[in-house]
Amino acid sequence: MNLDIPHVCPTEISLILNNRIRRLLQNPQKILAPYVRDGMDVLEVGCGPGFFTLDIARMVGKSGRVVAVDLQEGMLAKVRENIRRSGAGQNIVLHRCDEDRIGVSGNFDFVFLFYMVHEVVDKEAFFRELESLLKKDGQVYIAEPPLHVSKKAFEETIRIAGDTGFMVVDRPKRFPDKIVVLKKA
């Protein structure tokens, strides 16, 4: 197991992150349909093995772009394999980030953060970087898992995001996750 970065989900368990049962419970099309449209530029931070990545790429179409970011090269290798097997993904750019910096450039319409913000050590710096990458009318979707993140910890994440230039625009309900959608204040 990858224990070099103890707060990050290890590559070795990526099979449980990318399977048919999860697709029934967390259908990417249903989750993302209200937010992702053709032609958008989407930043997916913490893409893991790419459970959402190819669906996002299909949703943004040929005129859109997905920048899928992960800290672990092993996770990005899994995404590359999924892209190769699907024969799609020409609009996907993969990027390996640092533990303390996303390290991409551009302006994004939508930032997707699924089950990963609790792994970020310096949330204030993280949200400042996101604020610089998000278009004026863009949105940030954050979902956190119920077992890893308490209500108090989730509200603290939202407070930190607010302190760095974001405001809440929606709190979608999807049991049992904690979810918030943000935009620039």
N, C-alpha and C. Protein backbone atom coordinates (compact mmCIF):
# COMPACT_ATOMS: atom_id res chain seq x y z
N MET A 1 0.82 -1.20 0.00
CA MET A 1 0.00 0.00 0.00
C MET A 1 0.86 1.25 0.00
N ASN A 2 0.32 2.29 -0.58
CA ASN A 2 1.02 3.57 -0.61
C ASN A 2 0.76 4.30 0.70
N LEU A 3 1.68 4.21 1.61
CA LEU A 3 1.53 4.87 2.90
C LEU A 3 2.39 6.12 3.00
N ASP A 4 3.00 6.52 1.90
CA ASP A 4 3.82 7.73 1.91
C ASP A 4 2.98 8.96 2.24
N ILE A 5 1.75 8.98 1.79
CA ILE A 5 0.84 10.09 2.03
C ILE A 5 -0.39 9.49 2.72
N PRO A 6 -0.36 9.39 4.04
CA PRO A 6 -1.37 8.60 4.77
C PRO A 6 -2.80 9.09 4.65
N HIS A 7 -3.04 10.36 4.33
CA HIS A 7 -4.40 10.86 4.25
C HIS A 7 -5.03 10.70 2.87
N VAL A 8 -4.31 10.07 1.94
CA VAL A 8 -4.80 9.91 0.57
C VAL A 8 -5.18 8.45 0.32
N CYS A 9 -6.32 8.25 -0.34
CA CYS A 9 -6.78 6.91 -0.69
C CYS A 9 -5.75 6.22 -1.59
N PRO A 10 -5.24 5.07 -1.20
CA PRO A 10 -4.18 4.42 -1.97
C PRO A 10 -4.66 3.82 -3.29
N THR A 11 -3.77 3.83 -4.26
CA THR A 11 -4.06 3.28 -5.59
C THR A 11 -4.48 1.82 -5.51
N GLU A 12 -3.93 1.10 -4.57
CA GLU A 12 -4.19 -0.34 -4.47
C GLU A 12 -5.66 -0.68 -4.26
N ILE A 13 -6.45 0.25 -3.77
CA ILE A 13 -7.88 -0.05 -3.59
C ILE A 13 -8.75 0.57 -4.67
N SER A 14 -8.12 0.97 -5.78
CA SER A 14 -8.86 1.66 -6.84
C SER A 14 -9.97 0.82 -7.46
N LEU A 15 -9.89 -0.50 -7.37
CA LEU A 15 -10.96 -1.34 -7.93
C LEU A 15 -12.30 -1.07 -7.26
N ILE A 16 -12.30 -0.77 -5.96
CA ILE A 16 -13.57 -0.49 -5.30
C ILE A 16 -14.11 0.89 -5.66
N LEU A 17 -13.25 1.74 -6.26
CA LEU A 17 -13.68 3.07 -6.65
C LEU A 17 -14.25 3.11 -8.06
N ASN A 18 -14.09 2.04 -8.81
CA ASN A 18 -14.50 2.04 -10.22
C ASN A 18 -15.18 0.72 -10.56
N ASN A 19 -16.45 0.60 -10.16
CA ASN A 19 -17.15 -0.66 -10.41
C ASN A 19 -18.63 -0.42 -10.71
N ARG A 20 -19.31 -1.46 -11.15
CA ARG A 20 -20.72 -1.35 -11.57
C ARG A 20 -21.66 -1.01 -10.41
N ILE A 21 -21.39 -1.56 -9.24
CA ILE A 21 -22.26 -1.28 -8.09
C ILE A 21 -22.20 0.20 -7.74
N ARG A 22 -21.00 0.75 -7.73
CA ARG A 22 -20.87 2.19 -7.45
C ARG A 22 -21.62 3.00 -8.50
N ARG A 23 -21.58 2.57 -9.75
CA ARG A 23 -22.28 3.29 -10.82
C ARG A 23 -23.78 3.34 -10.56
N LEU A 24 -24.33 2.29 -9.96
CA LEU A 24 -25.76 2.30 -9.61
C LEU A 24 -26.04 3.30 -8.49
N LEU A 25 -25.14 3.39 -7.53
CA LEU A 25 -25.34 4.26 -6.37
C LEU A 25 -24.95 5.71 -6.64
N GLN A 26 -23.92 5.89 -7.45
CA GLN A 26 -23.40 7.23 -7.73
C GLN A 26 -23.26 7.40 -9.25
N ASN A 27 -24.37 7.46 -9.92
CA ASN A 27 -24.38 7.56 -11.37
C ASN A 27 -23.83 8.93 -11.81
N PRO A 28 -22.66 8.93 -12.49
CA PRO A 28 -22.07 10.20 -12.89
C PRO A 28 -22.99 11.09 -13.72
N GLN A 29 -23.75 10.50 -14.63
CA GLN A 29 -24.64 11.29 -15.48
C GLN A 29 -25.70 12.01 -14.64
N LYS A 30 -26.27 11.31 -13.67
CA LYS A 30 -27.31 11.92 -12.83
C LYS A 30 -26.72 12.99 -11.92
N ILE A 31 -25.56 12.72 -11.36
CA ILE A 31 -24.93 13.67 -10.44
C ILE A 31 -24.52 14.95 -11.18
N LEU A 32 -23.96 14.80 -12.37
CA LEU A 32 -23.38 15.93 -13.08
C LEU A 32 -24.32 16.65 -14.04
N ALA A 33 -25.42 16.02 -14.43
CA ALA A 33 -26.33 16.59 -15.44
C ALA A 33 -26.76 18.03 -15.14
N PRO A 34 -27.04 18.40 -13.89
CA PRO A 34 -27.45 19.79 -13.65
C PRO A 34 -26.33 20.82 -13.83
N TYR A 35 -25.10 20.37 -13.93
CA TYR A 35 -23.97 21.30 -13.88
C TYR A 35 -23.08 21.30 -15.13
N VAL A 36 -22.95 20.17 -15.80
CA VAL A 36 -21.99 20.03 -16.89
C VAL A 36 -22.72 20.00 -18.23
N ARG A 37 -22.23 20.86 -19.14
CA ARG A 37 -22.85 20.96 -20.46
C ARG A 37 -21.79 20.94 -21.56
N ASP A 38 -22.26 20.76 -22.75
CA ASP A 38 -21.41 20.75 -23.94
C ASP A 38 -20.58 22.03 -24.01
N GLY A 39 -19.30 21.87 -24.32
CA GLY A 39 -18.41 23.01 -24.51
C GLY A 39 -17.74 23.53 -23.25
N MET A 40 -18.05 22.98 -22.11
CA MET A 40 -17.44 23.46 -20.86
C MET A 40 -16.02 22.96 -20.70
N ASP A 41 -15.25 23.72 -19.93
CA ASP A 41 -13.94 23.29 -19.45
C ASP A 41 -14.13 22.90 -17.99
N VAL A 42 -13.83 21.62 -17.69
CA VAL A 42 -14.05 21.08 -16.35
C VAL A 42 -12.73 20.64 -15.74
N LEU A 43 -12.53 21.02 -14.49
CA LEU A 43 -11.38 20.58 -13.71
C LEU A 43 -11.88 19.56 -12.69
N GLU A 44 -11.35 18.35 -12.78
CA GLU A 44 -11.70 17.29 -11.83
C GLU A 44 -10.46 17.02 -10.98
N VAL A 45 -10.48 17.47 -9.75
CA VAL A 45 -9.33 17.29 -8.86
C VAL A 45 -9.59 16.06 -8.00
N GLY A 46 -8.60 15.18 -7.94
CA GLY A 46 -8.76 13.92 -7.21
C GLY A 46 -9.55 12.93 -8.05
N CYS A 47 -9.18 12.80 -9.31
CA CYS A 47 -9.95 11.96 -10.24
C CYS A 47 -9.84 10.47 -9.90
N GLY A 48 -8.84 10.08 -9.10
CA GLY A 48 -8.69 8.67 -8.78
C GLY A 48 -8.54 7.86 -10.05
N PRO A 49 -9.18 6.69 -10.11
CA PRO A 49 -9.05 5.84 -11.30
C PRO A 49 -9.94 6.29 -12.46
N GLY A 50 -10.63 7.42 -12.32
CA GLY A 50 -11.41 7.97 -13.43
C GLY A 50 -12.86 7.58 -13.46
N PHE A 51 -13.45 7.27 -12.32
CA PHE A 51 -14.85 6.87 -12.27
C PHE A 51 -15.76 7.88 -12.96
N PHE A 52 -15.51 9.18 -12.74
CA PHE A 52 -16.34 10.23 -13.34
C PHE A 52 -15.75 10.78 -14.65
N THR A 53 -14.46 10.59 -14.87
CA THR A 53 -13.73 11.30 -15.91
C THR A 53 -14.29 11.11 -17.32
N LEU A 54 -14.49 9.88 -17.75
CA LEU A 54 -15.00 9.65 -19.12
C LEU A 54 -16.42 10.17 -19.29
N ASP A 55 -17.24 10.05 -18.25
CA ASP A 55 -18.60 10.59 -18.34
C ASP A 55 -18.56 12.11 -18.50
N ILE A 56 -17.69 12.76 -17.74
CA ILE A 56 -17.56 14.22 -17.87
C ILE A 56 -17.12 14.56 -19.29
N ALA A 57 -16.14 13.82 -19.80
CA ALA A 57 -15.64 14.07 -21.16
C ALA A 57 -16.75 13.95 -22.19
N ARG A 58 -17.61 12.95 -22.05
CA ARG A 58 -18.74 12.79 -22.98
C ARG A 58 -19.71 13.97 -22.84
N MET A 59 -19.93 14.41 -21.62
CA MET A 59 -20.89 15.49 -21.37
C MET A 59 -20.41 16.83 -21.93
N VAL A 60 -19.10 17.10 -21.89
CA VAL A 60 -18.60 18.38 -22.41
C VAL A 60 -18.40 18.34 -23.91
N GLY A 61 -18.40 17.15 -24.49
CA GLY A 61 -18.31 17.00 -25.94
C GLY A 61 -16.95 17.37 -26.50
N LYS A 62 -16.90 17.36 -27.81
CA LYS A 62 -15.63 17.63 -28.51
C LYS A 62 -15.14 19.05 -28.31
N SER A 63 -16.07 19.98 -28.09
CA SER A 63 -15.66 21.37 -27.92
C SER A 63 -15.30 21.70 -26.47
N GLY A 64 -15.50 20.76 -25.57
CA GLY A 64 -15.14 20.96 -24.17
C GLY A 64 -13.84 20.27 -23.82
N ARG A 65 -13.44 20.42 -22.57
CA ARG A 65 -12.18 19.85 -22.12
C ARG A 65 -12.31 19.44 -20.66
N VAL A 66 -11.67 18.33 -20.33
CA VAL A 66 -11.59 17.87 -18.95
C VAL A 66 -10.12 17.80 -18.57
N VAL A 67 -9.78 18.46 -17.47
CA VAL A 67 -8.44 18.32 -16.90
C VAL A 67 -8.63 17.48 -15.64
N ALA A 68 -8.16 16.23 -15.71
CA ALA A 68 -8.30 15.29 -14.60
C ALA A 68 -6.98 15.25 -13.84
N VAL A 69 -7.05 15.56 -12.55
CA VAL A 69 -5.86 15.74 -11.72
C VAL A 69 -5.87 14.73 -10.59
N ASP A 70 -4.72 14.15 -10.34
CA ASP A 70 -4.56 13.30 -9.16
C ASP A 70 -3.13 13.41 -8.66
N LEU A 71 -2.97 13.11 -7.40
CA LEU A 71 -1.67 13.15 -6.74
C LEU A 71 -0.84 11.93 -7.06
N GLN A 72 -1.51 10.82 -7.37
CA GLN A 72 -0.82 9.55 -7.54
C GLN A 72 -0.73 9.15 -9.00
N GLU A 73 0.47 8.88 -9.45
CA GLU A 73 0.68 8.44 -10.83
C GLU A 73 -0.07 7.14 -11.10
N GLY A 74 -0.18 6.28 -10.08
CA GLY A 74 -0.90 5.02 -10.25
C GLY A 74 -2.37 5.24 -10.61
N MET A 75 -3.00 6.24 -10.01
CA MET A 75 -4.39 6.56 -10.35
C MET A 75 -4.48 7.09 -11.77
N LEU A 76 -3.56 7.95 -12.16
CA LEU A 76 -3.58 8.49 -13.52
C LEU A 76 -3.34 7.38 -14.55
N ALA A 77 -2.52 6.39 -14.20
CA ALA A 77 -2.30 5.24 -15.09
C ALA A 77 -3.61 4.49 -15.30
N LYS A 78 -4.42 4.37 -14.26
CA LYS A 78 -5.73 3.70 -14.38
C LYS A 78 -6.64 4.50 -15.33
N VAL A 79 -6.62 5.83 -15.22
CA VAL A 79 -7.43 6.65 -16.12
C VAL A 79 -6.95 6.48 -17.56
N ARG A 80 -5.63 6.50 -17.76
CA ARG A 80 -5.08 6.30 -19.11
C ARG A 80 -5.57 4.99 -19.70
N GLU A 81 -5.58 3.94 -18.88
CA GLU A 81 -6.03 2.62 -19.35
C GLU A 81 -7.52 2.67 -19.70
N ASN A 82 -8.32 3.33 -18.88
CA ASN A 82 -9.76 3.47 -19.18
C ASN A 82 -9.97 4.24 -20.49
N ILE A 83 -9.19 5.28 -20.70
CA ILE A 83 -9.29 6.06 -21.94
C ILE A 83 -8.92 5.17 -23.13
N ARG A 84 -7.82 4.42 -23.00
CA ARG A 84 -7.36 3.54 -24.07
C ARG A 84 -8.42 2.49 -24.42
N ARG A 85 -9.01 1.87 -23.39
CA ARG A 85 -10.03 0.83 -23.61
C ARG A 85 -11.29 1.40 -24.24
N SER A 86 -11.64 2.63 -23.89
CA SER A 86 -12.87 3.22 -24.40
C SER A 86 -12.72 3.76 -25.82
N GLY A 87 -11.50 4.05 -26.21
CA GLY A 87 -11.28 4.65 -27.53
C GLY A 87 -11.72 6.11 -27.58
N ALA A 88 -12.08 6.67 -26.45
CA ALA A 88 -12.51 8.06 -26.38
C ALA A 88 -11.48 8.85 -25.57
N GLY A 89 -11.86 10.02 -25.17
CA GLY A 89 -11.02 10.78 -24.27
C GLY A 89 -10.04 11.73 -24.92
N GLN A 90 -10.27 12.08 -26.18
CA GLN A 90 -9.38 13.03 -26.82
C GLN A 90 -9.45 14.41 -26.17
N ASN A 91 -10.50 14.66 -25.43
CA ASN A 91 -10.67 15.96 -24.77
C ASN A 91 -10.30 15.89 -23.28
N ILE A 92 -9.54 14.87 -22.89
CA ILE A 92 -9.10 14.72 -21.50
C ILE A 92 -7.60 14.98 -21.41
N VAL A 93 -7.24 15.85 -20.48
CA VAL A 93 -5.84 16.11 -20.17
C VAL A 93 -5.60 15.59 -18.76
N LEU A 94 -4.58 14.77 -18.59
CA LEU A 94 -4.24 14.24 -17.27
C LEU A 94 -3.08 15.04 -16.69
N HIS A 95 -3.16 15.28 -15.38
CA HIS A 95 -2.12 16.07 -14.71
C HIS A 95 -1.86 15.51 -13.31
N ARG A 96 -0.61 15.30 -13.02
CA ARG A 96 -0.23 14.88 -11.66
C ARG A 96 0.10 16.13 -10.85
N CYS A 97 -0.65 16.32 -9.77
CA CYS A 97 -0.45 17.49 -8.93
C CYS A 97 0.56 17.19 -7.82
N ASP A 98 0.93 18.21 -7.11
CA ASP A 98 1.74 18.07 -5.90
C ASP A 98 0.80 17.98 -4.71
N GLU A 99 1.32 17.57 -3.58
CA GLU A 99 0.49 17.47 -2.38
C GLU A 99 -0.05 18.82 -1.95
N ASP A 100 0.69 19.90 -2.24
CA ASP A 100 0.28 21.22 -1.78
C ASP A 100 -0.11 22.19 -2.90
N ARG A 101 -0.27 21.68 -4.12
CA ARG A 101 -0.61 22.56 -5.23
C ARG A 101 -1.20 21.75 -6.38
N ILE A 102 -2.29 22.26 -6.96
CA ILE A 102 -2.89 21.60 -8.12
C ILE A 102 -1.95 21.75 -9.32
N GLY A 103 -1.49 22.97 -9.56
CA GLY A 103 -0.47 23.19 -10.57
C GLY A 103 -0.92 23.16 -12.01
N VAL A 104 -2.17 23.53 -12.26
CA VAL A 104 -2.64 23.64 -13.65
C VAL A 104 -2.90 25.12 -13.93
N SER A 105 -3.04 25.44 -15.20
CA SER A 105 -3.42 26.80 -15.57
C SER A 105 -4.68 26.72 -16.40
N GLY A 106 -5.33 27.84 -16.52
CA GLY A 106 -6.56 27.90 -17.30
C GLY A 106 -7.69 28.50 -16.50
N ASN A 107 -8.81 28.62 -17.16
CA ASN A 107 -10.03 29.11 -16.52
C ASN A 107 -11.12 28.08 -16.76
N PHE A 108 -11.73 27.63 -15.70
CA PHE A 108 -12.67 26.52 -15.77
C PHE A 108 -14.09 26.97 -15.45
N ASP A 109 -15.02 26.34 -16.17
CA ASP A 109 -16.45 26.59 -15.94
C ASP A 109 -16.95 25.84 -14.72
N PHE A 110 -16.34 24.71 -14.45
CA PHE A 110 -16.83 23.82 -13.39
C PHE A 110 -15.65 23.08 -12.79
N VAL A 111 -15.63 23.01 -11.47
CA VAL A 111 -14.62 22.24 -10.74
C VAL A 111 -15.35 21.16 -9.96
N PHE A 112 -14.91 19.93 -10.13
CA PHE A 112 -15.56 18.77 -9.51
C PHE A 112 -14.61 18.16 -8.48
N LEU A 113 -15.06 18.15 -7.22
CA LEU A 113 -14.27 17.65 -6.10
C LEU A 113 -15.09 16.58 -5.38
N PHE A 114 -14.89 15.35 -5.75
CA PHE A 114 -15.71 14.27 -5.21
C PHE A 114 -14.89 13.42 -4.25
N TYR A 115 -15.29 13.45 -2.98
CA TYR A 115 -14.67 12.64 -1.92
C TYR A 115 -13.17 12.89 -1.80
N MET A 116 -12.75 14.13 -1.93
CA MET A 116 -11.32 14.38 -1.84
C MET A 116 -10.92 15.57 -0.99
N VAL A 117 -11.80 16.52 -0.74
CA VAL A 117 -11.39 17.72 -0.02
C VAL A 117 -10.91 17.38 1.39
N HIS A 118 -11.48 16.35 1.99
CA HIS A 118 -11.03 15.96 3.34
C HIS A 118 -9.58 15.48 3.35
N GLU A 119 -9.03 15.15 2.17
CA GLU A 119 -7.64 14.71 2.07
C GLU A 119 -6.66 15.88 1.94
N VAL A 120 -7.17 17.08 1.71
CA VAL A 120 -6.32 18.25 1.51
C VAL A 120 -5.85 18.76 2.88
N VAL A 121 -4.55 18.93 3.01
CA VAL A 121 -3.98 19.38 4.28
C VAL A 121 -4.23 20.87 4.49
N ASP A 122 -3.89 21.69 3.50
CA ASP A 122 -4.05 23.15 3.62
C ASP A 122 -5.23 23.58 2.76
N LYS A 123 -6.41 23.53 3.33
CA LYS A 123 -7.63 23.85 2.57
C LYS A 123 -7.68 25.31 2.14
N GLU A 124 -7.15 26.20 2.95
CA GLU A 124 -7.16 27.61 2.60
C GLU A 124 -6.36 27.85 1.31
N ALA A 125 -5.17 27.32 1.23
CA ALA A 125 -4.35 27.46 0.02
C ALA A 125 -5.03 26.78 -1.17
N PHE A 126 -5.64 25.64 -0.92
CA PHE A 126 -6.33 24.89 -1.97
C PHE A 126 -7.47 25.73 -2.57
N PHE A 127 -8.31 26.31 -1.71
CA PHE A 127 -9.42 27.11 -2.21
C PHE A 127 -8.95 28.40 -2.87
N ARG A 128 -7.86 28.98 -2.40
CA ARG A 128 -7.32 30.16 -3.08
C ARG A 128 -6.89 29.81 -4.51
N GLU A 129 -6.24 28.65 -4.65
CA GLU A 129 -5.82 28.24 -5.99
C GLU A 129 -7.05 27.97 -6.87
N LEU A 130 -8.06 27.32 -6.32
CA LEU A 130 -9.29 27.08 -7.10
C LEU A 130 -9.94 28.38 -7.52
N GLU A 131 -9.96 29.35 -6.63
CA GLU A 131 -10.57 30.63 -6.93
C GLU A 131 -9.88 31.28 -8.12
N SER A 132 -8.57 31.11 -8.24
CA SER A 132 -7.83 31.69 -9.36
C SER A 132 -8.06 30.94 -10.67
N LEU A 133 -8.54 29.70 -10.59
CA LEU A 133 -8.76 28.87 -11.78
C LEU A 133 -10.20 28.90 -12.29
N LEU A 134 -11.12 29.37 -11.47
CA LEU A 134 -12.54 29.34 -11.80
C LEU A 134 -12.96 30.60 -12.55
N LYS A 135 -13.72 30.40 -13.62
CA LYS A 135 -14.29 31.55 -14.33
C LYS A 135 -15.24 32.29 -13.42
N LYS A 136 -15.51 33.54 -13.77
CA LYS A 136 -16.35 34.40 -12.93
C LYS A 136 -17.70 33.76 -12.60
N ASP A 137 -18.32 33.13 -13.59
CA ASP A 137 -19.63 32.51 -13.37
C ASP A 137 -19.54 30.99 -13.17
N GLY A 138 -18.33 30.48 -12.93
CA GLY A 138 -18.14 29.04 -12.74
C GLY A 138 -18.63 28.55 -11.39
N GLN A 139 -18.69 27.23 -11.26
CA GLN A 139 -19.15 26.62 -10.01
C GLN A 139 -18.19 25.53 -9.56
N VAL A 140 -18.19 25.30 -8.26
CA VAL A 140 -17.40 24.24 -7.64
C VAL A 140 -18.36 23.30 -6.94
N TYR A 141 -18.28 22.02 -7.26
CA TYR A 141 -19.13 20.99 -6.66
C TYR A 141 -18.25 20.18 -5.70
N ILE A 142 -18.65 20.16 -4.43
CA ILE A 142 -17.92 19.39 -3.42
C ILE A 142 -18.86 18.34 -2.84
N ALA A 143 -18.44 17.09 -2.88
CA ALA A 143 -19.15 16.01 -2.20
C ALA A 143 -18.15 15.32 -1.27
N GLU A 144 -18.58 15.07 -0.06
CA GLU A 144 -17.73 14.40 0.91
C GLU A 144 -18.46 13.17 1.47
N PRO A 145 -17.69 12.13 1.80
CA PRO A 145 -18.30 10.89 2.28
C PRO A 145 -18.76 11.00 3.73
N PRO A 146 -19.83 10.31 4.06
CA PRO A 146 -20.40 10.42 5.40
C PRO A 146 -19.52 9.83 6.50
N LEU A 147 -18.78 8.79 6.22
CA LEU A 147 -17.99 8.14 7.27
C LEU A 147 -16.68 8.86 7.58
N HIS A 148 -16.11 9.53 6.59
CA HIS A 148 -14.83 10.21 6.79
C HIS A 148 -14.98 11.64 7.27
N VAL A 149 -16.11 12.26 6.97
CA VAL A 149 -16.27 13.70 7.20
C VAL A 149 -17.52 13.95 8.04
N SER A 150 -17.31 14.53 9.21
CA SER A 150 -18.44 14.87 10.08
C SER A 150 -19.13 16.13 9.55
N LYS A 151 -20.34 16.36 10.04
CA LYS A 151 -21.06 17.57 9.66
C LYS A 151 -20.26 18.81 10.05
N LYS A 152 -19.66 18.77 11.23
CA LYS A 152 -18.86 19.89 11.73
C LYS A 152 -17.66 20.14 10.81
N ALA A 153 -16.96 19.09 10.41
CA ALA A 153 -15.80 19.23 9.53
C ALA A 153 -16.22 19.76 8.16
N PHE A 154 -17.37 19.30 7.66
CA PHE A 154 -17.87 19.77 6.37
C PHE A 154 -18.21 21.26 6.43
N GLU A 155 -18.86 21.67 7.49
CA GLU A 155 -19.20 23.09 7.65
C GLU A 155 -17.94 23.93 7.77
N GLU A 156 -16.89 23.40 8.39
CA GLU A 156 -15.62 24.11 8.47
C GLU A 156 -15.00 24.27 7.09
N THR A 157 -15.11 23.25 6.25
CA THR A 157 -14.62 23.35 4.87
C THR A 157 -15.37 24.46 4.13
N ILE A 158 -16.67 24.53 4.30
CA ILE A 158 -17.46 25.57 3.65
C ILE A 158 -17.06 26.95 4.17
N ARG A 159 -16.80 27.06 5.47
CA ARG A 159 -16.36 28.33 6.05
C ARG A 159 -15.03 28.77 5.44
N ILE A 160 -14.09 27.84 5.34
CA ILE A 160 -12.79 28.15 4.75
C ILE A 160 -12.96 28.60 3.29
N ALA A 161 -13.80 27.90 2.55
CA ALA A 161 -14.07 28.29 1.17
C ALA A 161 -14.64 29.71 1.12
N GLY A 162 -15.54 30.01 2.05
CA GLY A 162 -16.11 31.36 2.11
C GLY A 162 -15.07 32.41 2.41
N ASP A 163 -14.15 32.10 3.28
CA ASP A 163 -13.08 33.03 3.63
C ASP A 163 -12.11 33.28 2.48
N THR A 164 -12.10 32.39 1.49
CA THR A 164 -11.18 32.53 0.37
C THR A 164 -11.89 33.00 -0.91
N GLY A 165 -13.13 33.45 -0.79
CA GLY A 165 -13.78 34.07 -1.94
C GLY A 165 -14.94 33.32 -2.56
N PHE A 166 -15.49 32.32 -1.86
CA PHE A 166 -16.60 31.56 -2.41
C PHE A 166 -17.87 31.78 -1.59
N MET A 167 -18.99 31.51 -2.24
CA MET A 167 -20.28 31.53 -1.54
C MET A 167 -21.10 30.32 -1.97
N VAL A 168 -21.98 29.88 -1.09
CA VAL A 168 -22.83 28.73 -1.34
C VAL A 168 -23.97 29.13 -2.28
N VAL A 169 -24.18 28.31 -3.35
CA VAL A 169 -25.31 28.55 -4.25
C VAL A 169 -26.32 27.42 -4.19
N ASP A 170 -25.89 26.26 -3.69
CA ASP A 170 -26.81 25.13 -3.60
C ASP A 170 -26.26 24.10 -2.63
N ARG A 171 -27.18 23.35 -2.04
CA ARG A 171 -26.84 22.22 -1.18
C ARG A 171 -27.67 21.03 -1.62
N PRO A 172 -27.28 20.41 -2.74
CA PRO A 172 -28.06 19.27 -3.24
C PRO A 172 -28.13 18.15 -2.20
N LYS A 173 -29.24 17.48 -2.20
CA LYS A 173 -29.44 16.35 -1.28
C LYS A 173 -29.24 15.05 -2.03
N ARG A 174 -28.32 14.24 -1.54
CA ARG A 174 -28.12 12.89 -2.07
C ARG A 174 -27.58 12.05 -0.92
N PHE A 175 -28.43 11.30 -0.32
CA PHE A 175 -28.07 10.49 0.83
C PHE A 175 -26.97 9.50 0.46
N PRO A 176 -25.99 9.29 1.28
CA PRO A 176 -25.73 9.91 2.58
C PRO A 176 -24.66 10.99 2.52
N ASP A 177 -24.32 11.46 1.31
CA ASP A 177 -23.20 12.39 1.13
C ASP A 177 -23.51 13.78 1.65
N LYS A 178 -22.43 14.49 1.93
CA LYS A 178 -22.50 15.93 2.25
C LYS A 178 -22.08 16.65 0.98
N ILE A 179 -22.94 17.54 0.47
CA ILE A 179 -22.69 18.17 -0.83
C ILE A 179 -22.95 19.68 -0.73
N VAL A 180 -22.11 20.42 -1.44
CA VAL A 180 -22.31 21.86 -1.56
C VAL A 180 -21.83 22.28 -2.95
N VAL A 181 -22.50 23.28 -3.52
CA VAL A 181 -22.08 23.89 -4.77
C VAL A 181 -21.76 25.35 -4.45
N LEU A 182 -20.56 25.77 -4.89
CA LEU A 182 -20.07 27.10 -4.60
C LEU A 182 -19.86 27.89 -5.89
N LYS A 183 -19.82 29.21 -5.76
CA LYS A 183 -19.39 30.08 -6.84
C LYS A 183 -18.59 31.20 -6.21
N LYS A 184 -17.93 32.00 -7.05
CA LYS A 184 -17.18 33.13 -6.54
C LYS A 184 -18.13 34.14 -5.90
N ALA A 185 -17.72 34.68 -4.80
CA ALA A 185 -18.56 35.67 -4.07
C ALA A 185 -18.57 36.99 -4.81
